[in-house]
Amino acid sequence: MSLNFSQILRRPLVTERSTQLKEMNKFVFEVAPEATKGQIREVVEAAFKVDVVGVNTMRMPGKLRRRGQRSGYQSEWKKAIVTIKKGQDIKYAEPQG
């Protein structure tokens, strides 16, 4: 199954931890669950014009969510921590504050 850029990289994850990782040239993205490390590497290199040193992926489990008496599960998802070459940067919109 071939995936295109917008299907592989869903969105950047901006959290307290991801901003700390940014200082070590690591950037965190939500990615498609079926995307491989090789596909993630190719897309990040092509989209942001950077050299990727490594890709770490992890599957985040779905969580039980309740609203009143109804309950259901939030979908599981996958995130990737992409390490880029020192001195390079990925620019994306960040919240101000």
N, C-alpha and C. Protein backbone atom coordinates (compact mmCIF):
# COMPACT_ATOMS: atom_id res chain seq x y z
N MET A 1 0.85 -1.17 0.00
CA MET A 1 0.00 0.00 0.00
C MET A 1 0.90 1.23 0.00
N SER A 2 0.74 2.10 -0.97
CA SER A 2 1.57 3.31 -1.01
C SER A 2 0.80 4.47 -0.39
N LEU A 3 1.49 5.20 0.46
CA LEU A 3 0.90 6.34 1.13
C LEU A 3 1.59 7.61 0.65
N ASN A 4 0.85 8.71 0.54
CA ASN A 4 1.49 9.96 0.15
C ASN A 4 1.84 10.77 1.39
N PHE A 5 2.47 11.93 1.16
CA PHE A 5 2.97 12.78 2.24
C PHE A 5 1.91 13.08 3.29
N SER A 6 0.74 13.55 2.85
CA SER A 6 -0.29 13.96 3.82
C SER A 6 -0.88 12.77 4.57
N GLN A 7 -0.77 11.58 4.01
CA GLN A 7 -1.29 10.40 4.70
C GLN A 7 -0.29 9.88 5.74
N ILE A 8 1.01 10.07 5.49
CA ILE A 8 2.02 9.56 6.42
C ILE A 8 2.19 10.51 7.61
N LEU A 9 2.51 11.78 7.35
CA LEU A 9 2.68 12.76 8.43
C LEU A 9 1.34 13.40 8.70
N ARG A 10 0.75 13.11 9.84
CA ARG A 10 -0.56 13.68 10.15
C ARG A 10 -0.44 15.08 10.73
N ARG A 11 0.40 15.25 11.77
CA ARG A 11 0.57 16.57 12.38
C ARG A 11 1.78 16.52 13.31
N PRO A 12 2.41 17.67 13.54
CA PRO A 12 3.47 17.71 14.55
C PRO A 12 2.84 17.71 15.94
N LEU A 13 3.49 17.07 16.88
CA LEU A 13 2.99 17.06 18.26
C LEU A 13 3.80 18.07 19.06
N VAL A 14 3.12 19.08 19.57
CA VAL A 14 3.78 20.12 20.36
C VAL A 14 3.35 19.95 21.81
N THR A 15 4.24 19.38 22.61
CA THR A 15 4.00 19.18 24.03
C THR A 15 5.22 19.69 24.78
N GLU A 16 5.14 19.67 26.09
CA GLU A 16 6.28 20.10 26.89
C GLU A 16 7.49 19.20 26.62
N ARG A 17 7.25 17.92 26.51
CA ARG A 17 8.35 16.99 26.26
C ARG A 17 8.93 17.19 24.86
N SER A 18 8.07 17.39 23.86
CA SER A 18 8.58 17.54 22.50
C SER A 18 9.38 18.83 22.33
N THR A 19 9.04 19.87 23.08
CA THR A 19 9.84 21.09 22.99
C THR A 19 11.20 20.90 23.66
N GLN A 20 11.28 20.05 24.67
CA GLN A 20 12.58 19.72 25.26
C GLN A 20 13.41 18.86 24.31
N LEU A 21 12.76 17.94 23.60
CA LEU A 21 13.47 17.10 22.64
C LEU A 21 14.00 17.91 21.46
N LYS A 22 13.33 19.02 21.15
CA LYS A 22 13.74 19.87 20.04
C LYS A 22 15.17 20.38 20.22
N GLU A 23 15.57 20.60 21.48
CA GLU A 23 16.93 21.06 21.77
C GLU A 23 17.97 20.00 21.41
N MET A 24 17.55 18.73 21.32
CA MET A 24 18.44 17.64 20.94
C MET A 24 18.24 17.24 19.48
N ASN A 25 17.67 18.15 18.68
CA ASN A 25 17.40 17.92 17.25
C ASN A 25 16.44 16.75 17.02
N LYS A 26 15.47 16.58 17.92
CA LYS A 26 14.45 15.54 17.77
C LYS A 26 13.09 16.21 17.66
N PHE A 27 12.31 15.78 16.67
CA PHE A 27 11.00 16.36 16.41
C PHE A 27 9.97 15.24 16.43
N VAL A 28 8.80 15.53 17.01
CA VAL A 28 7.77 14.51 17.23
C VAL A 28 6.58 14.77 16.31
N PHE A 29 6.12 13.71 15.63
CA PHE A 29 5.00 13.79 14.70
C PHE A 29 4.02 12.67 14.98
N GLU A 30 2.73 12.94 14.75
CA GLU A 30 1.74 11.87 14.69
C GLU A 30 1.79 11.36 13.26
N VAL A 31 1.88 10.05 13.09
CA VAL A 31 2.00 9.46 11.76
C VAL A 31 0.92 8.40 11.56
N ALA A 32 0.76 7.98 10.32
CA ALA A 32 -0.20 6.92 10.01
C ALA A 32 0.24 5.62 10.67
N PRO A 33 -0.69 4.86 11.25
CA PRO A 33 -0.31 3.62 11.94
C PRO A 33 0.40 2.60 11.04
N GLU A 34 0.12 2.63 9.75
CA GLU A 34 0.74 1.66 8.85
C GLU A 34 2.04 2.17 8.22
N ALA A 35 2.47 3.38 8.55
CA ALA A 35 3.69 3.95 7.99
C ALA A 35 4.92 3.27 8.61
N THR A 36 5.93 3.01 7.78
CA THR A 36 7.17 2.40 8.26
C THR A 36 8.20 3.49 8.55
N LYS A 37 9.27 3.11 9.24
CA LYS A 37 10.33 4.07 9.55
C LYS A 37 10.96 4.62 8.28
N GLY A 38 11.13 3.77 7.28
CA GLY A 38 11.71 4.21 6.01
C GLY A 38 10.84 5.23 5.30
N GLN A 39 9.54 4.99 5.29
CA GLN A 39 8.61 5.95 4.67
C GLN A 39 8.61 7.28 5.42
N ILE A 40 8.64 7.22 6.74
CA ILE A 40 8.65 8.45 7.54
C ILE A 40 9.93 9.23 7.25
N ARG A 41 11.06 8.55 7.17
CA ARG A 41 12.34 9.19 6.86
C ARG A 41 12.28 9.90 5.51
N GLU A 42 11.80 9.22 4.48
CA GLU A 42 11.72 9.80 3.13
C GLU A 42 10.84 11.04 3.10
N VAL A 43 9.69 10.97 3.76
CA VAL A 43 8.74 12.09 3.74
C VAL A 43 9.31 13.30 4.47
N VAL A 44 9.92 13.09 5.63
CA VAL A 44 10.48 14.22 6.39
C VAL A 44 11.63 14.85 5.62
N GLU A 45 12.50 14.04 5.02
CA GLU A 45 13.62 14.59 4.24
C GLU A 45 13.11 15.39 3.05
N ALA A 46 12.09 14.89 2.37
CA ALA A 46 11.57 15.59 1.19
C ALA A 46 10.78 16.84 1.57
N ALA A 47 9.99 16.77 2.62
CA ALA A 47 9.11 17.89 2.98
C ALA A 47 9.86 19.04 3.63
N PHE A 48 10.84 18.73 4.48
CA PHE A 48 11.49 19.79 5.25
C PHE A 48 12.93 20.06 4.81
N LYS A 49 13.42 19.33 3.80
CA LYS A 49 14.78 19.52 3.27
C LYS A 49 15.84 19.41 4.37
N VAL A 50 15.77 18.33 5.15
CA VAL A 50 16.73 18.07 6.22
C VAL A 50 17.29 16.66 6.05
N ASP A 51 18.39 16.37 6.75
CA ASP A 51 18.97 15.04 6.75
C ASP A 51 18.54 14.32 8.02
N VAL A 52 17.84 13.20 7.86
CA VAL A 52 17.33 12.44 9.01
C VAL A 52 18.40 11.45 9.45
N VAL A 53 18.74 11.49 10.74
CA VAL A 53 19.73 10.59 11.31
C VAL A 53 19.07 9.32 11.83
N GLY A 54 17.86 9.45 12.41
CA GLY A 54 17.17 8.28 12.95
C GLY A 54 15.69 8.53 13.14
N VAL A 55 14.94 7.43 13.17
CA VAL A 55 13.49 7.50 13.39
C VAL A 55 13.12 6.45 14.44
N ASN A 56 12.47 6.90 15.51
CA ASN A 56 11.94 6.00 16.53
C ASN A 56 10.42 6.10 16.48
N THR A 57 9.74 4.95 16.46
CA THR A 57 8.28 4.96 16.41
C THR A 57 7.72 4.23 17.61
N MET A 58 6.50 4.61 17.98
CA MET A 58 5.80 3.92 19.06
C MET A 58 4.31 3.99 18.83
N ARG A 59 3.63 2.92 19.20
CA ARG A 59 2.17 2.88 19.09
C ARG A 59 1.58 3.28 20.43
N MET A 60 0.67 4.25 20.37
CA MET A 60 0.02 4.72 21.58
C MET A 60 -1.33 4.02 21.67
N PRO A 61 -1.63 3.37 22.80
CA PRO A 61 -2.87 2.60 22.90
C PRO A 61 -4.11 3.48 22.97
N GLY A 62 -5.23 2.93 22.51
CA GLY A 62 -6.51 3.63 22.63
C GLY A 62 -6.93 3.67 24.10
N LYS A 63 -7.66 4.70 24.46
CA LYS A 63 -8.06 4.85 25.86
C LYS A 63 -9.58 4.79 25.97
N LEU A 64 -10.04 4.28 27.10
CA LEU A 64 -11.47 4.24 27.38
C LEU A 64 -11.95 5.65 27.67
N ARG A 65 -13.00 6.09 26.98
CA ARG A 65 -13.58 7.41 27.20
C ARG A 65 -15.05 7.24 27.54
N ARG A 66 -15.52 8.01 28.53
CA ARG A 66 -16.92 7.94 28.93
C ARG A 66 -17.56 9.31 28.82
N ARG A 67 -18.79 9.32 28.38
CA ARG A 67 -19.60 10.54 28.36
C ARG A 67 -20.96 10.13 28.91
N GLY A 68 -21.17 10.45 30.18
CA GLY A 68 -22.40 10.00 30.83
C GLY A 68 -22.34 8.49 31.02
N GLN A 69 -23.41 7.82 30.61
CA GLN A 69 -23.44 6.36 30.75
C GLN A 69 -22.83 5.66 29.55
N ARG A 70 -22.59 6.38 28.49
CA ARG A 70 -22.02 5.77 27.29
C ARG A 70 -20.50 5.71 27.41
N SER A 71 -19.93 4.64 26.93
CA SER A 71 -18.48 4.53 26.93
C SER A 71 -18.02 3.99 25.59
N GLY A 72 -16.80 4.31 25.24
CA GLY A 72 -16.21 3.85 24.00
C GLY A 72 -14.71 4.00 24.08
N TYR A 73 -14.04 3.66 23.01
CA TYR A 73 -12.59 3.74 23.00
C TYR A 73 -12.11 4.78 22.01
N GLN A 74 -11.11 5.54 22.44
CA GLN A 74 -10.40 6.45 21.54
C GLN A 74 -9.50 5.56 20.68
N SER A 75 -9.34 5.87 19.42
CA SER A 75 -8.53 5.05 18.52
C SER A 75 -7.06 5.05 18.95
N GLU A 76 -6.39 3.93 18.70
CA GLU A 76 -4.95 3.92 18.94
C GLU A 76 -4.27 4.67 17.81
N TRP A 77 -3.07 5.19 18.07
CA TRP A 77 -2.37 5.98 17.07
C TRP A 77 -0.87 5.74 17.19
N LYS A 78 -0.12 6.27 16.24
CA LYS A 78 1.31 6.03 16.20
C LYS A 78 2.04 7.36 16.17
N LYS A 79 3.14 7.45 16.92
CA LYS A 79 3.94 8.67 16.86
C LYS A 79 5.37 8.32 16.51
N ALA A 80 6.06 9.29 15.90
CA ALA A 80 7.44 9.10 15.49
C ALA A 80 8.28 10.23 16.04
N ILE A 81 9.44 9.87 16.60
CA ILE A 81 10.42 10.86 17.02
C ILE A 81 11.53 10.81 15.98
N VAL A 82 11.67 11.92 15.24
CA VAL A 82 12.62 11.99 14.13
C VAL A 82 13.83 12.80 14.58
N THR A 83 15.02 12.21 14.48
CA THR A 83 16.26 12.90 14.82
C THR A 83 16.90 13.40 13.54
N ILE A 84 17.24 14.70 13.50
CA ILE A 84 17.86 15.27 12.30
C ILE A 84 19.29 15.67 12.60
N LYS A 85 20.04 15.93 11.52
CA LYS A 85 21.45 16.29 11.64
C LYS A 85 21.61 17.57 12.44
N LYS A 86 22.68 17.63 13.22
CA LYS A 86 22.94 18.81 14.06
C LYS A 86 23.12 20.04 13.19
N GLY A 87 22.53 21.15 13.64
CA GLY A 87 22.63 22.41 12.90
C GLY A 87 21.45 22.65 11.97
N GLN A 88 20.62 21.63 11.73
CA GLN A 88 19.44 21.79 10.89
C GLN A 88 18.22 21.98 11.77
N ASP A 89 17.14 22.50 11.19
CA ASP A 89 15.94 22.78 11.96
C ASP A 89 14.70 22.53 11.11
N ILE A 90 13.62 22.14 11.75
CA ILE A 90 12.33 21.99 11.09
C ILE A 90 11.44 23.11 11.59
N LYS A 91 10.91 23.90 10.67
CA LYS A 91 10.04 25.02 11.04
C LYS A 91 8.59 24.60 10.85
N TYR A 92 7.81 24.71 11.91
CA TYR A 92 6.37 24.55 11.83
C TYR A 92 5.74 25.45 12.88
N ALA A 93 4.49 25.74 12.70
CA ALA A 93 3.81 26.69 13.59
C ALA A 93 3.75 26.14 15.00
N GLU A 94 4.08 26.98 15.97
CA GLU A 94 4.03 26.61 17.37
C GLU A 94 3.13 27.58 18.12
N PRO A 95 2.48 27.13 19.16
CA PRO A 95 1.62 28.05 19.93
C PRO A 95 2.46 29.12 20.62
N GLN A 96 1.95 30.32 20.69
CA GLN A 96 2.63 31.42 21.35
C GLN A 96 2.22 31.45 22.81
N GLY A 97 3.19 31.68 23.70
CA GLY A 97 2.80 31.79 25.10
C GLY A 97 3.81 31.39 26.06
